[in-house]
Amino acid sequence: MQQVSALRSRLGGRNLYLVGMMGAGKSTVGRPLAEQLGYGFVDADSTIEACSGRSISAIFAEDGERGFRAIETAVLNQIACRHSLVVATGGGIVTEAVNWGHMHQGLVLWLDPDRNVLLQRLREQPGGRPLLAGEGDPAARLDALLEARRPLYAQADVHLAITQETPEQVVSALLEAIAARLQAPGLGGSSRTANH
């Protein structure tokens, strides 16, 4: 508990932005991580839905991906004005360069589950994902998204590879990785990998 208190002090109110593919566990891990640190928790997708009065699927259907990304950036801009938050972002938030400007004001944490774990989670989750919907093989679409986004996610301050860890284990690993990152010189975009 004392270590977490010291870590919170060293963070100095900087927001923590969880990035990673859909199904990576950003919301599942974000809540207990925020609780441990005494931070607030924000789910960016839920905030987008609340602000727009529409579901993510409806925004994609009516405005397309470009329209969704514009709303997402506006919401992130509002979130970034606050402090002491753990923010679970949408999987594609990394595709807009302007979003990195907001997120690098805090620390960016990449949750990177094994591809097969990711696919299993997405198949088990109720409700479709707009970018995996449509014709063809969802696994092939997931692989294409992973290939396109991995270099973007790699700009995160912390990279946590995940296999079958519980959310509690992931939170512990993240706290360790954040502490190590804060001890490293500078807080630029260099990635620090933690494998557990």
N, C-alpha and C. Protein backbone atom coordinates (compact mmCIF):
# COMPACT_ATOMS: atom_id res chain seq x y z
N MET A 1 0.83 -1.20 0.00
CA MET A 1 0.00 0.00 0.00
C MET A 1 0.87 1.26 0.00
N GLN A 2 1.97 1.18 0.80
CA GLN A 2 2.89 2.32 0.87
C GLN A 2 3.55 2.56 -0.49
N GLN A 3 3.88 1.44 -1.20
CA GLN A 3 4.49 1.55 -2.53
C GLN A 3 3.53 2.24 -3.50
N VAL A 4 2.25 1.88 -3.45
CA VAL A 4 1.25 2.48 -4.34
C VAL A 4 1.11 3.96 -4.02
N SER A 5 1.14 4.30 -2.74
CA SER A 5 1.05 5.70 -2.34
C SER A 5 2.24 6.50 -2.88
N ALA A 6 3.44 5.92 -2.81
CA ALA A 6 4.63 6.57 -3.34
C ALA A 6 4.54 6.72 -4.85
N LEU A 7 4.00 5.68 -5.51
CA LEU A 7 3.85 5.72 -6.96
C LEU A 7 2.86 6.82 -7.37
N ARG A 8 1.77 6.91 -6.63
CA ARG A 8 0.78 7.95 -6.91
C ARG A 8 1.42 9.33 -6.78
N SER A 9 2.23 9.50 -5.75
CA SER A 9 2.91 10.77 -5.54
C SER A 9 3.85 11.09 -6.71
N ARG A 10 4.58 10.06 -7.18
CA ARG A 10 5.50 10.28 -8.30
C ARG A 10 4.76 10.57 -9.60
N LEU A 11 3.57 10.05 -9.74
CA LEU A 11 2.78 10.32 -10.94
C LEU A 11 2.35 11.79 -11.00
N GLY A 12 2.19 12.39 -9.84
CA GLY A 12 1.86 13.81 -9.79
C GLY A 12 0.57 14.19 -10.50
N GLY A 13 -0.41 13.27 -10.50
CA GLY A 13 -1.70 13.58 -11.12
C GLY A 13 -1.77 13.31 -12.61
N ARG A 14 -0.65 12.85 -13.19
CA ARG A 14 -0.68 12.54 -14.63
C ARG A 14 -1.70 11.45 -14.92
N ASN A 15 -2.46 11.63 -16.00
CA ASN A 15 -3.41 10.61 -16.42
C ASN A 15 -2.67 9.39 -16.97
N LEU A 16 -3.31 8.24 -16.83
CA LEU A 16 -2.82 6.99 -17.42
C LEU A 16 -3.79 6.58 -18.52
N TYR A 17 -3.29 6.42 -19.73
CA TYR A 17 -4.12 6.06 -20.88
C TYR A 17 -3.83 4.63 -21.28
N LEU A 18 -4.84 3.77 -21.15
CA LEU A 18 -4.70 2.37 -21.56
C LEU A 18 -5.05 2.26 -23.04
N VAL A 19 -4.09 1.77 -23.83
CA VAL A 19 -4.33 1.56 -25.26
C VAL A 19 -4.15 0.09 -25.57
N GLY A 20 -4.67 -0.33 -26.71
CA GLY A 20 -4.56 -1.72 -27.13
C GLY A 20 -5.78 -2.08 -27.96
N MET A 21 -5.73 -3.24 -28.55
CA MET A 21 -6.81 -3.69 -29.42
C MET A 21 -8.12 -3.85 -28.65
N MET A 22 -9.22 -3.82 -29.40
CA MET A 22 -10.51 -4.15 -28.81
C MET A 22 -10.40 -5.53 -28.18
N GLY A 23 -10.93 -5.67 -26.98
CA GLY A 23 -10.84 -6.95 -26.28
C GLY A 23 -9.56 -7.13 -25.48
N ALA A 24 -8.71 -6.10 -25.44
CA ALA A 24 -7.44 -6.22 -24.71
C ALA A 24 -7.64 -6.20 -23.20
N GLY A 25 -8.82 -5.76 -22.74
CA GLY A 25 -9.09 -5.73 -21.30
C GLY A 25 -8.86 -4.37 -20.68
N LYS A 26 -8.91 -3.32 -21.50
CA LYS A 26 -8.62 -1.97 -20.99
C LYS A 26 -9.61 -1.53 -19.92
N SER A 27 -10.90 -1.76 -20.15
CA SER A 27 -11.90 -1.38 -19.13
C SER A 27 -11.84 -2.31 -17.93
N THR A 28 -11.66 -3.60 -18.18
CA THR A 28 -11.59 -4.60 -17.10
C THR A 28 -10.44 -4.31 -16.16
N VAL A 29 -9.29 -3.92 -16.71
CA VAL A 29 -8.10 -3.64 -15.91
C VAL A 29 -8.11 -2.20 -15.40
N GLY A 30 -8.68 -1.30 -16.17
CA GLY A 30 -8.66 0.13 -15.83
C GLY A 30 -9.33 0.45 -14.52
N ARG A 31 -10.46 -0.18 -14.26
CA ARG A 31 -11.19 0.12 -13.01
C ARG A 31 -10.39 -0.25 -11.77
N PRO A 32 -9.89 -1.51 -11.66
CA PRO A 32 -9.11 -1.83 -10.46
C PRO A 32 -7.78 -1.07 -10.39
N LEU A 33 -7.20 -0.72 -11.55
CA LEU A 33 -5.96 0.07 -11.54
C LEU A 33 -6.24 1.45 -10.94
N ALA A 34 -7.34 2.06 -11.37
CA ALA A 34 -7.73 3.37 -10.84
C ALA A 34 -8.00 3.29 -9.34
N GLU A 35 -8.67 2.22 -8.94
CA GLU A 35 -9.00 2.03 -7.52
C GLU A 35 -7.72 1.94 -6.68
N GLN A 36 -6.75 1.16 -7.16
CA GLN A 36 -5.48 0.99 -6.44
C GLN A 36 -4.77 2.33 -6.26
N LEU A 37 -4.82 3.16 -7.29
CA LEU A 37 -4.09 4.44 -7.26
C LEU A 37 -4.89 5.57 -6.63
N GLY A 38 -6.17 5.32 -6.35
CA GLY A 38 -7.02 6.40 -5.87
C GLY A 38 -7.34 7.40 -6.97
N TYR A 39 -7.33 6.93 -8.21
CA TYR A 39 -7.63 7.74 -9.39
C TYR A 39 -9.09 7.58 -9.78
N GLY A 40 -9.58 8.48 -10.62
CA GLY A 40 -10.88 8.30 -11.25
C GLY A 40 -10.72 7.38 -12.46
N PHE A 41 -11.83 6.78 -12.90
CA PHE A 41 -11.78 5.92 -14.09
C PHE A 41 -12.73 6.47 -15.14
N VAL A 42 -12.25 6.52 -16.39
CA VAL A 42 -13.09 6.97 -17.51
C VAL A 42 -12.98 5.94 -18.63
N ASP A 43 -14.13 5.47 -19.11
CA ASP A 43 -14.17 4.64 -20.31
C ASP A 43 -14.50 5.57 -21.47
N ALA A 44 -13.52 5.78 -22.36
CA ALA A 44 -13.69 6.77 -23.44
C ALA A 44 -14.87 6.43 -24.34
N ASP A 45 -15.07 5.15 -24.66
CA ASP A 45 -16.18 4.78 -25.54
C ASP A 45 -17.53 5.08 -24.88
N SER A 46 -17.65 4.80 -23.58
CA SER A 46 -18.90 5.11 -22.87
C SER A 46 -19.14 6.62 -22.84
N THR A 47 -18.06 7.39 -22.69
CA THR A 47 -18.17 8.85 -22.70
C THR A 47 -18.61 9.35 -24.07
N ILE A 48 -18.08 8.76 -25.13
CA ILE A 48 -18.49 9.11 -26.50
C ILE A 48 -19.98 8.84 -26.68
N GLU A 49 -20.42 7.68 -26.21
CA GLU A 49 -21.85 7.34 -26.35
C GLU A 49 -22.72 8.31 -25.56
N ALA A 50 -22.29 8.67 -24.35
CA ALA A 50 -23.06 9.61 -23.53
C ALA A 50 -23.11 10.99 -24.17
N CYS A 51 -21.98 11.45 -24.71
CA CYS A 51 -21.91 12.79 -25.31
C CYS A 51 -22.71 12.88 -26.61
N SER A 52 -22.70 11.80 -27.39
CA SER A 52 -23.36 11.84 -28.70
C SER A 52 -24.80 11.35 -28.66
N GLY A 53 -25.15 10.67 -27.57
CA GLY A 53 -26.50 10.11 -27.48
C GLY A 53 -26.72 8.94 -28.43
N ARG A 54 -25.62 8.33 -28.89
CA ARG A 54 -25.70 7.20 -29.83
C ARG A 54 -24.70 6.13 -29.42
N SER A 55 -24.98 4.90 -29.82
CA SER A 55 -24.02 3.82 -29.57
C SER A 55 -22.85 3.96 -30.54
N ILE A 56 -21.74 3.33 -30.19
CA ILE A 56 -20.57 3.35 -31.07
C ILE A 56 -20.95 2.79 -32.45
N SER A 57 -21.71 1.67 -32.44
CA SER A 57 -22.13 1.05 -33.71
C SER A 57 -22.96 2.01 -34.55
N ALA A 58 -23.84 2.77 -33.88
CA ALA A 58 -24.69 3.73 -34.61
C ALA A 58 -23.85 4.86 -35.20
N ILE A 59 -22.86 5.33 -34.44
CA ILE A 59 -21.99 6.40 -34.96
C ILE A 59 -21.24 5.90 -36.20
N PHE A 60 -20.70 4.69 -36.12
CA PHE A 60 -20.00 4.12 -37.29
C PHE A 60 -20.96 4.00 -38.47
N ALA A 61 -22.19 3.52 -38.20
CA ALA A 61 -23.15 3.31 -39.29
C ALA A 61 -23.58 4.63 -39.93
N GLU A 62 -23.77 5.66 -39.11
CA GLU A 62 -24.30 6.94 -39.61
C GLU A 62 -23.21 7.90 -40.10
N ASP A 63 -22.06 7.92 -39.40
CA ASP A 63 -21.02 8.90 -39.71
C ASP A 63 -19.76 8.29 -40.33
N GLY A 64 -19.68 6.96 -40.31
CA GLY A 64 -18.49 6.29 -40.81
C GLY A 64 -17.35 6.38 -39.79
N GLU A 65 -16.25 5.71 -40.11
CA GLU A 65 -15.12 5.71 -39.17
C GLU A 65 -14.55 7.11 -39.00
N ARG A 66 -14.47 7.91 -40.07
CA ARG A 66 -13.91 9.26 -39.98
C ARG A 66 -14.72 10.12 -39.01
N GLY A 67 -16.04 10.03 -39.11
CA GLY A 67 -16.90 10.78 -38.21
C GLY A 67 -16.72 10.36 -36.76
N PHE A 68 -16.59 9.03 -36.57
CA PHE A 68 -16.37 8.53 -35.21
C PHE A 68 -15.05 9.05 -34.66
N ARG A 69 -13.99 9.00 -35.47
CA ARG A 69 -12.67 9.44 -35.00
C ARG A 69 -12.68 10.92 -34.60
N ALA A 70 -13.44 11.73 -35.32
CA ALA A 70 -13.53 13.16 -34.97
C ALA A 70 -14.17 13.35 -33.60
N ILE A 71 -15.24 12.59 -33.33
CA ILE A 71 -15.91 12.67 -32.02
C ILE A 71 -14.96 12.15 -30.94
N GLU A 72 -14.27 11.05 -31.24
CA GLU A 72 -13.34 10.45 -30.28
C GLU A 72 -12.25 11.44 -29.87
N THR A 73 -11.69 12.16 -30.85
CA THR A 73 -10.64 13.14 -30.57
C THR A 73 -11.18 14.29 -29.72
N ALA A 74 -12.40 14.75 -30.02
CA ALA A 74 -13.00 15.84 -29.23
C ALA A 74 -13.21 15.41 -27.78
N VAL A 75 -13.66 14.18 -27.59
CA VAL A 75 -13.88 13.66 -26.24
C VAL A 75 -12.55 13.50 -25.50
N LEU A 76 -11.52 12.99 -26.20
CA LEU A 76 -10.21 12.83 -25.58
C LEU A 76 -9.64 14.19 -25.16
N ASN A 77 -9.86 15.19 -25.97
CA ASN A 77 -9.41 16.55 -25.66
C ASN A 77 -10.01 17.02 -24.33
N GLN A 78 -11.30 16.73 -24.12
CA GLN A 78 -11.96 17.11 -22.86
C GLN A 78 -11.40 16.31 -21.69
N ILE A 79 -11.19 15.01 -21.90
CA ILE A 79 -10.66 14.15 -20.84
C ILE A 79 -9.26 14.61 -20.43
N ALA A 80 -8.44 14.98 -21.43
CA ALA A 80 -7.04 15.35 -21.17
C ALA A 80 -6.92 16.63 -20.35
N CYS A 81 -7.99 17.41 -20.27
CA CYS A 81 -7.98 18.64 -19.45
C CYS A 81 -8.08 18.31 -17.96
N ARG A 82 -8.45 17.07 -17.65
CA ARG A 82 -8.58 16.66 -16.26
C ARG A 82 -7.30 15.96 -15.81
N HIS A 83 -7.22 15.58 -14.56
CA HIS A 83 -6.03 14.90 -14.06
C HIS A 83 -6.42 13.76 -13.14
N SER A 84 -5.44 12.93 -12.80
CA SER A 84 -5.62 11.80 -11.88
C SER A 84 -6.70 10.84 -12.37
N LEU A 85 -6.61 10.49 -13.66
CA LEU A 85 -7.57 9.57 -14.27
C LEU A 85 -6.84 8.38 -14.88
N VAL A 86 -7.49 7.22 -14.83
CA VAL A 86 -7.13 6.09 -15.67
C VAL A 86 -8.17 6.07 -16.78
N VAL A 87 -7.71 6.12 -18.03
CA VAL A 87 -8.62 6.23 -19.18
C VAL A 87 -8.50 4.99 -20.04
N ALA A 88 -9.60 4.25 -20.18
CA ALA A 88 -9.65 3.13 -21.12
C ALA A 88 -10.06 3.69 -22.47
N THR A 89 -9.15 3.64 -23.44
CA THR A 89 -9.42 4.23 -24.75
C THR A 89 -9.98 3.18 -25.71
N GLY A 90 -10.52 3.64 -26.82
CA GLY A 90 -10.94 2.73 -27.89
C GLY A 90 -9.72 2.21 -28.63
N GLY A 91 -9.85 1.06 -29.25
CA GLY A 91 -8.72 0.41 -29.90
C GLY A 91 -8.05 1.22 -30.99
N GLY A 92 -8.83 2.08 -31.67
CA GLY A 92 -8.28 2.83 -32.80
C GLY A 92 -7.85 4.24 -32.48
N ILE A 93 -7.85 4.60 -31.21
CA ILE A 93 -7.51 5.98 -30.83
C ILE A 93 -6.08 6.34 -31.27
N VAL A 94 -5.23 5.32 -31.40
CA VAL A 94 -3.82 5.54 -31.76
C VAL A 94 -3.64 5.92 -33.23
N THR A 95 -4.71 5.80 -34.03
CA THR A 95 -4.57 6.04 -35.47
C THR A 95 -4.55 7.53 -35.82
N GLU A 96 -4.91 8.40 -34.87
CA GLU A 96 -4.92 9.84 -35.12
C GLU A 96 -3.75 10.47 -34.36
N ALA A 97 -2.85 11.11 -35.10
CA ALA A 97 -1.64 11.69 -34.48
C ALA A 97 -1.98 12.69 -33.38
N VAL A 98 -3.04 13.47 -33.56
CA VAL A 98 -3.40 14.49 -32.57
C VAL A 98 -3.69 13.85 -31.20
N ASN A 99 -4.21 12.62 -31.22
CA ASN A 99 -4.53 11.95 -29.96
C ASN A 99 -3.28 11.65 -29.14
N TRP A 100 -2.18 11.37 -29.82
CA TRP A 100 -0.93 11.12 -29.10
C TRP A 100 -0.47 12.36 -28.35
N GLY A 101 -0.72 13.54 -28.93
CA GLY A 101 -0.37 14.79 -28.23
C GLY A 101 -1.09 14.90 -26.90
N HIS A 102 -2.37 14.50 -26.89
CA HIS A 102 -3.14 14.51 -25.63
C HIS A 102 -2.62 13.44 -24.67
N MET A 103 -2.45 12.22 -25.19
CA MET A 103 -2.13 11.10 -24.30
C MET A 103 -0.71 11.19 -23.73
N HIS A 104 0.23 11.73 -24.50
CA HIS A 104 1.60 11.82 -23.99
C HIS A 104 1.78 12.92 -22.94
N GLN A 105 0.70 13.66 -22.62
CA GLN A 105 0.74 14.53 -21.45
C GLN A 105 0.73 13.69 -20.17
N GLY A 106 0.25 12.46 -20.31
CA GLY A 106 0.26 11.51 -19.20
C GLY A 106 1.17 10.35 -19.57
N LEU A 107 0.81 9.16 -19.09
CA LEU A 107 1.55 7.94 -19.45
C LEU A 107 0.63 7.05 -20.27
N VAL A 108 1.17 6.48 -21.35
CA VAL A 108 0.39 5.60 -22.23
C VAL A 108 0.83 4.17 -21.97
N LEU A 109 -0.14 3.32 -21.64
CA LEU A 109 0.12 1.93 -21.26
C LEU A 109 -0.53 1.00 -22.29
N TRP A 110 0.29 0.22 -22.99
CA TRP A 110 -0.21 -0.68 -24.03
C TRP A 110 -0.45 -2.07 -23.46
N LEU A 111 -1.72 -2.49 -23.42
CA LEU A 111 -2.08 -3.86 -23.05
C LEU A 111 -2.08 -4.69 -24.32
N ASP A 112 -1.23 -5.69 -24.36
CA ASP A 112 -0.98 -6.44 -25.59
C ASP A 112 -1.20 -7.94 -25.38
N PRO A 113 -2.49 -8.38 -25.41
CA PRO A 113 -2.75 -9.81 -25.25
C PRO A 113 -2.26 -10.61 -26.45
N ASP A 114 -1.96 -11.86 -26.19
CA ASP A 114 -1.66 -12.81 -27.25
C ASP A 114 -2.82 -12.79 -28.26
N ARG A 115 -2.50 -12.92 -29.53
CA ARG A 115 -3.50 -12.81 -30.60
C ARG A 115 -4.65 -13.82 -30.43
N ASN A 116 -4.34 -15.06 -30.02
CA ASN A 116 -5.38 -16.06 -29.85
C ASN A 116 -6.27 -15.76 -28.65
N VAL A 117 -5.69 -15.20 -27.60
CA VAL A 117 -6.47 -14.76 -26.44
C VAL A 117 -7.44 -13.66 -26.87
N LEU A 118 -6.93 -12.73 -27.66
CA LEU A 118 -7.73 -11.61 -28.16
C LEU A 118 -8.91 -12.12 -28.98
N LEU A 119 -8.64 -13.03 -29.89
CA LEU A 119 -9.68 -13.57 -30.76
C LEU A 119 -10.74 -14.31 -29.95
N GLN A 120 -10.31 -15.07 -28.96
CA GLN A 120 -11.25 -15.80 -28.10
C GLN A 120 -12.14 -14.81 -27.34
N ARG A 121 -11.54 -13.77 -26.78
CA ARG A 121 -12.33 -12.77 -26.03
C ARG A 121 -13.36 -12.10 -26.93
N LEU A 122 -12.94 -11.73 -28.14
CA LEU A 122 -13.85 -11.04 -29.05
C LEU A 122 -15.02 -11.92 -29.47
N ARG A 123 -14.75 -13.22 -29.62
CA ARG A 123 -15.82 -14.16 -29.98
C ARG A 123 -16.80 -14.35 -28.83
N GLU A 124 -16.29 -14.23 -27.58
CA GLU A 124 -17.13 -14.45 -26.40
C GLU A 124 -17.94 -13.22 -26.00
N GLN A 125 -17.49 -12.03 -26.45
CA GLN A 125 -18.16 -10.80 -26.02
C GLN A 125 -19.45 -10.59 -26.78
N PRO A 126 -20.51 -10.22 -26.05
CA PRO A 126 -21.78 -9.93 -26.73
C PRO A 126 -21.68 -8.61 -27.50
N GLY A 127 -22.44 -8.51 -28.58
CA GLY A 127 -22.45 -7.26 -29.36
C GLY A 127 -21.28 -7.22 -30.31
N GLY A 128 -21.54 -6.83 -31.53
CA GLY A 128 -20.50 -6.80 -32.54
C GLY A 128 -19.57 -5.62 -32.39
N ARG A 129 -18.40 -5.74 -32.95
CA ARG A 129 -17.44 -4.65 -33.03
C ARG A 129 -17.50 -4.11 -34.45
N PRO A 130 -17.77 -2.81 -34.63
CA PRO A 130 -17.97 -2.28 -35.98
C PRO A 130 -16.85 -2.62 -36.95
N LEU A 131 -15.60 -2.60 -36.50
CA LEU A 131 -14.50 -2.85 -37.42
C LEU A 131 -14.28 -4.34 -37.70
N LEU A 132 -14.98 -5.22 -36.96
CA LEU A 132 -14.89 -6.65 -37.25
C LEU A 132 -16.16 -7.17 -37.90
N ALA A 133 -17.16 -6.29 -38.07
CA ALA A 133 -18.44 -6.70 -38.66
C ALA A 133 -18.31 -6.79 -40.18
N GLY A 134 -19.29 -7.43 -40.79
CA GLY A 134 -19.32 -7.48 -42.25
C GLY A 134 -18.88 -8.83 -42.78
N GLU A 135 -18.62 -8.83 -44.08
CA GLU A 135 -18.27 -10.06 -44.78
C GLU A 135 -16.86 -10.52 -44.42
N GLY A 136 -16.63 -11.82 -44.63
CA GLY A 136 -15.28 -12.34 -44.47
C GLY A 136 -15.00 -12.86 -43.07
N ASP A 137 -13.77 -13.27 -42.89
CA ASP A 137 -13.32 -13.91 -41.67
C ASP A 137 -12.91 -12.87 -40.64
N PRO A 138 -13.57 -12.84 -39.45
CA PRO A 138 -13.19 -11.87 -38.42
C PRO A 138 -11.73 -12.02 -37.99
N ALA A 139 -11.21 -13.25 -37.99
CA ALA A 139 -9.82 -13.47 -37.60
C ALA A 139 -8.87 -12.77 -38.57
N ALA A 140 -9.19 -12.84 -39.86
CA ALA A 140 -8.35 -12.18 -40.87
C ALA A 140 -8.42 -10.66 -40.71
N ARG A 141 -9.61 -10.14 -40.39
CA ARG A 141 -9.75 -8.69 -40.18
C ARG A 141 -8.99 -8.25 -38.92
N LEU A 142 -9.06 -9.09 -37.87
CA LEU A 142 -8.31 -8.79 -36.65
C LEU A 142 -6.81 -8.76 -36.94
N ASP A 143 -6.33 -9.74 -37.71
CA ASP A 143 -4.90 -9.79 -38.04
C ASP A 143 -4.47 -8.55 -38.83
N ALA A 144 -5.32 -8.10 -39.74
CA ALA A 144 -5.00 -6.90 -40.53
C ALA A 144 -4.93 -5.67 -39.64
N LEU A 145 -5.88 -5.56 -38.69
CA LEU A 145 -5.87 -4.43 -37.76
C LEU A 145 -4.64 -4.47 -36.86
N LEU A 146 -4.30 -5.67 -36.38
CA LEU A 146 -3.12 -5.82 -35.53
C LEU A 146 -1.86 -5.39 -36.27
N GLU A 147 -1.75 -5.82 -37.51
CA GLU A 147 -0.56 -5.48 -38.31
C GLU A 147 -0.45 -3.97 -38.50
N ALA A 148 -1.59 -3.32 -38.75
CA ALA A 148 -1.58 -1.88 -38.97
C ALA A 148 -1.32 -1.09 -37.69
N ARG A 149 -1.83 -1.61 -36.57
CA ARG A 149 -1.79 -0.81 -35.33
C ARG A 149 -0.60 -1.09 -34.42
N ARG A 150 0.01 -2.25 -34.54
CA ARG A 150 1.11 -2.57 -33.62
C ARG A 150 2.21 -1.50 -33.62
N PRO A 151 2.64 -0.98 -34.79
CA PRO A 151 3.67 0.07 -34.76
C PRO A 151 3.19 1.34 -34.06
N LEU A 152 1.88 1.58 -34.09
CA LEU A 152 1.32 2.75 -33.41
C LEU A 152 1.28 2.52 -31.90
N TYR A 153 0.80 1.36 -31.49
CA TYR A 153 0.78 1.04 -30.07
C TYR A 153 2.18 1.08 -29.48
N ALA A 154 3.18 0.76 -30.29
CA ALA A 154 4.57 0.70 -29.82
C ALA A 154 5.10 2.07 -29.38
N GLN A 155 4.35 3.15 -29.65
CA GLN A 155 4.73 4.48 -29.18
C GLN A 155 4.39 4.68 -27.70
N ALA A 156 3.75 3.68 -27.09
CA ALA A 156 3.35 3.79 -25.69
C ALA A 156 4.57 3.84 -24.79
N ASP A 157 4.38 4.41 -23.60
CA ASP A 157 5.46 4.49 -22.60
C ASP A 157 5.74 3.14 -21.95
N VAL A 158 4.69 2.32 -21.84
CA VAL A 158 4.80 1.01 -21.21
C VAL A 158 4.12 -0.01 -22.11
N HIS A 159 4.78 -1.14 -22.34
CA HIS A 159 4.22 -2.24 -23.14
C HIS A 159 4.11 -3.46 -22.24
N LEU A 160 2.89 -3.98 -22.07
CA LEU A 160 2.69 -5.16 -21.23
C LEU A 160 2.11 -6.29 -22.08
N ALA A 161 2.94 -7.30 -22.34
CA ALA A 161 2.48 -8.49 -23.05
C ALA A 161 1.65 -9.34 -22.10
N ILE A 162 0.51 -9.84 -22.58
CA ILE A 162 -0.43 -10.57 -21.73
C ILE A 162 -0.73 -11.92 -22.37
N THR A 163 -0.73 -12.97 -21.53
CA THR A 163 -1.16 -14.28 -22.02
C THR A 163 -2.46 -14.66 -21.32
N GLN A 164 -2.37 -15.34 -20.18
CA GLN A 164 -3.58 -15.78 -19.47
C GLN A 164 -3.71 -15.17 -18.08
N GLU A 165 -3.03 -14.04 -17.83
CA GLU A 165 -3.07 -13.44 -16.49
C GLU A 165 -4.48 -12.98 -16.12
N THR A 166 -4.75 -13.01 -14.81
CA THR A 166 -6.01 -12.46 -14.31
C THR A 166 -5.92 -10.93 -14.34
N PRO A 167 -7.06 -10.23 -14.28
CA PRO A 167 -7.01 -8.76 -14.20
C PRO A 167 -6.16 -8.28 -13.03
N GLU A 168 -6.22 -8.98 -11.88
CA GLU A 168 -5.43 -8.57 -10.71
C GLU A 168 -3.93 -8.67 -11.00
N GLN A 169 -3.54 -9.75 -11.69
CA GLN A 169 -2.12 -9.92 -12.05
C GLN A 169 -1.67 -8.85 -13.03
N VAL A 170 -2.56 -8.49 -13.96
CA VAL A 170 -2.23 -7.45 -14.94
C VAL A 170 -2.06 -6.10 -14.24
N VAL A 171 -2.95 -5.80 -13.28
CA VAL A 171 -2.83 -4.55 -12.53
C VAL A 171 -1.51 -4.50 -11.78
N SER A 172 -1.14 -5.60 -11.11
CA SER A 172 0.14 -5.64 -10.38
C SER A 172 1.32 -5.42 -11.32
N ALA A 173 1.27 -6.08 -12.48
CA ALA A 173 2.35 -5.93 -13.46
C ALA A 173 2.41 -4.50 -13.99
N LEU A 174 1.26 -3.88 -14.19
CA LEU A 174 1.22 -2.49 -14.65
C LEU A 174 1.81 -1.55 -13.62
N LEU A 175 1.46 -1.75 -12.35
CA LEU A 175 2.00 -0.89 -11.29
C LEU A 175 3.52 -0.98 -11.25
N GLU A 176 4.06 -2.21 -11.39
CA GLU A 176 5.51 -2.39 -11.43
C GLU A 176 6.12 -1.69 -12.64
N ALA A 177 5.48 -1.85 -13.80
CA ALA A 177 6.00 -1.27 -15.05
C ALA A 177 5.95 0.26 -15.02
N ILE A 178 4.88 0.81 -14.42
CA ILE A 178 4.77 2.27 -14.30
C ILE A 178 5.89 2.80 -13.39
N ALA A 179 6.11 2.11 -12.27
CA ALA A 179 7.17 2.52 -11.34
C ALA A 179 8.52 2.50 -12.04
N ALA A 180 8.79 1.45 -12.82
CA ALA A 180 10.06 1.35 -13.55
C ALA A 180 10.17 2.46 -14.59
N ARG A 181 9.07 2.76 -15.25
CA ARG A 181 9.08 3.80 -16.30
C ARG A 181 9.35 5.17 -15.70
N LEU A 182 8.78 5.43 -14.53
CA LEU A 182 8.98 6.73 -13.88
C LEU A 182 10.41 6.90 -13.39
N GLN A 183 11.10 5.78 -13.17
CA GLN A 183 12.51 5.86 -12.76
C GLN A 183 13.44 6.05 -13.95
N ALA A 184 12.94 5.74 -15.15
CA ALA A 184 13.76 5.87 -16.35
C ALA A 184 13.95 7.34 -16.68
N PRO A 185 15.08 7.70 -17.29
CA PRO A 185 15.29 9.11 -17.64
C PRO A 185 14.32 9.54 -18.73
N GLY A 186 13.66 10.68 -18.52
CA GLY A 186 12.73 11.22 -19.52
C GLY A 186 11.44 10.42 -19.57
N LEU A 187 10.40 11.03 -20.11
CA LEU A 187 9.12 10.34 -20.28
C LEU A 187 8.63 10.49 -21.69
N GLY A 188 9.50 10.39 -22.65
CA GLY A 188 9.11 10.51 -24.05
C GLY A 188 8.38 9.27 -24.51
N GLY A 189 8.41 9.01 -25.81
CA GLY A 189 7.65 7.91 -26.37
C GLY A 189 8.39 6.59 -26.38
N SER A 190 9.58 6.51 -25.75
CA SER A 190 10.32 5.25 -25.79
C SER A 190 9.57 4.18 -25.03
N SER A 191 9.55 3.02 -25.59
CA SER A 191 8.73 1.94 -25.04
C SER A 191 9.54 1.07 -24.09
N ARG A 192 8.94 0.73 -22.99
CA ARG A 192 9.58 -0.17 -22.03
C ARG A 192 8.71 -1.42 -21.95
N THR A 193 9.30 -2.56 -22.23
CA THR A 193 8.52 -3.79 -22.28
C THR A 193 8.58 -4.51 -20.96
N ALA A 194 7.42 -5.02 -20.54
CA ALA A 194 7.35 -5.85 -19.34
C ALA A 194 6.64 -7.13 -19.73
N ASN A 195 7.29 -8.25 -19.60
CA ASN A 195 6.68 -9.53 -19.93
C ASN A 195 6.41 -10.30 -18.65
N HIS A 196 5.17 -10.74 -18.50
CA HIS A 196 4.80 -11.51 -17.30
C HIS A 196 4.04 -12.73 -17.72
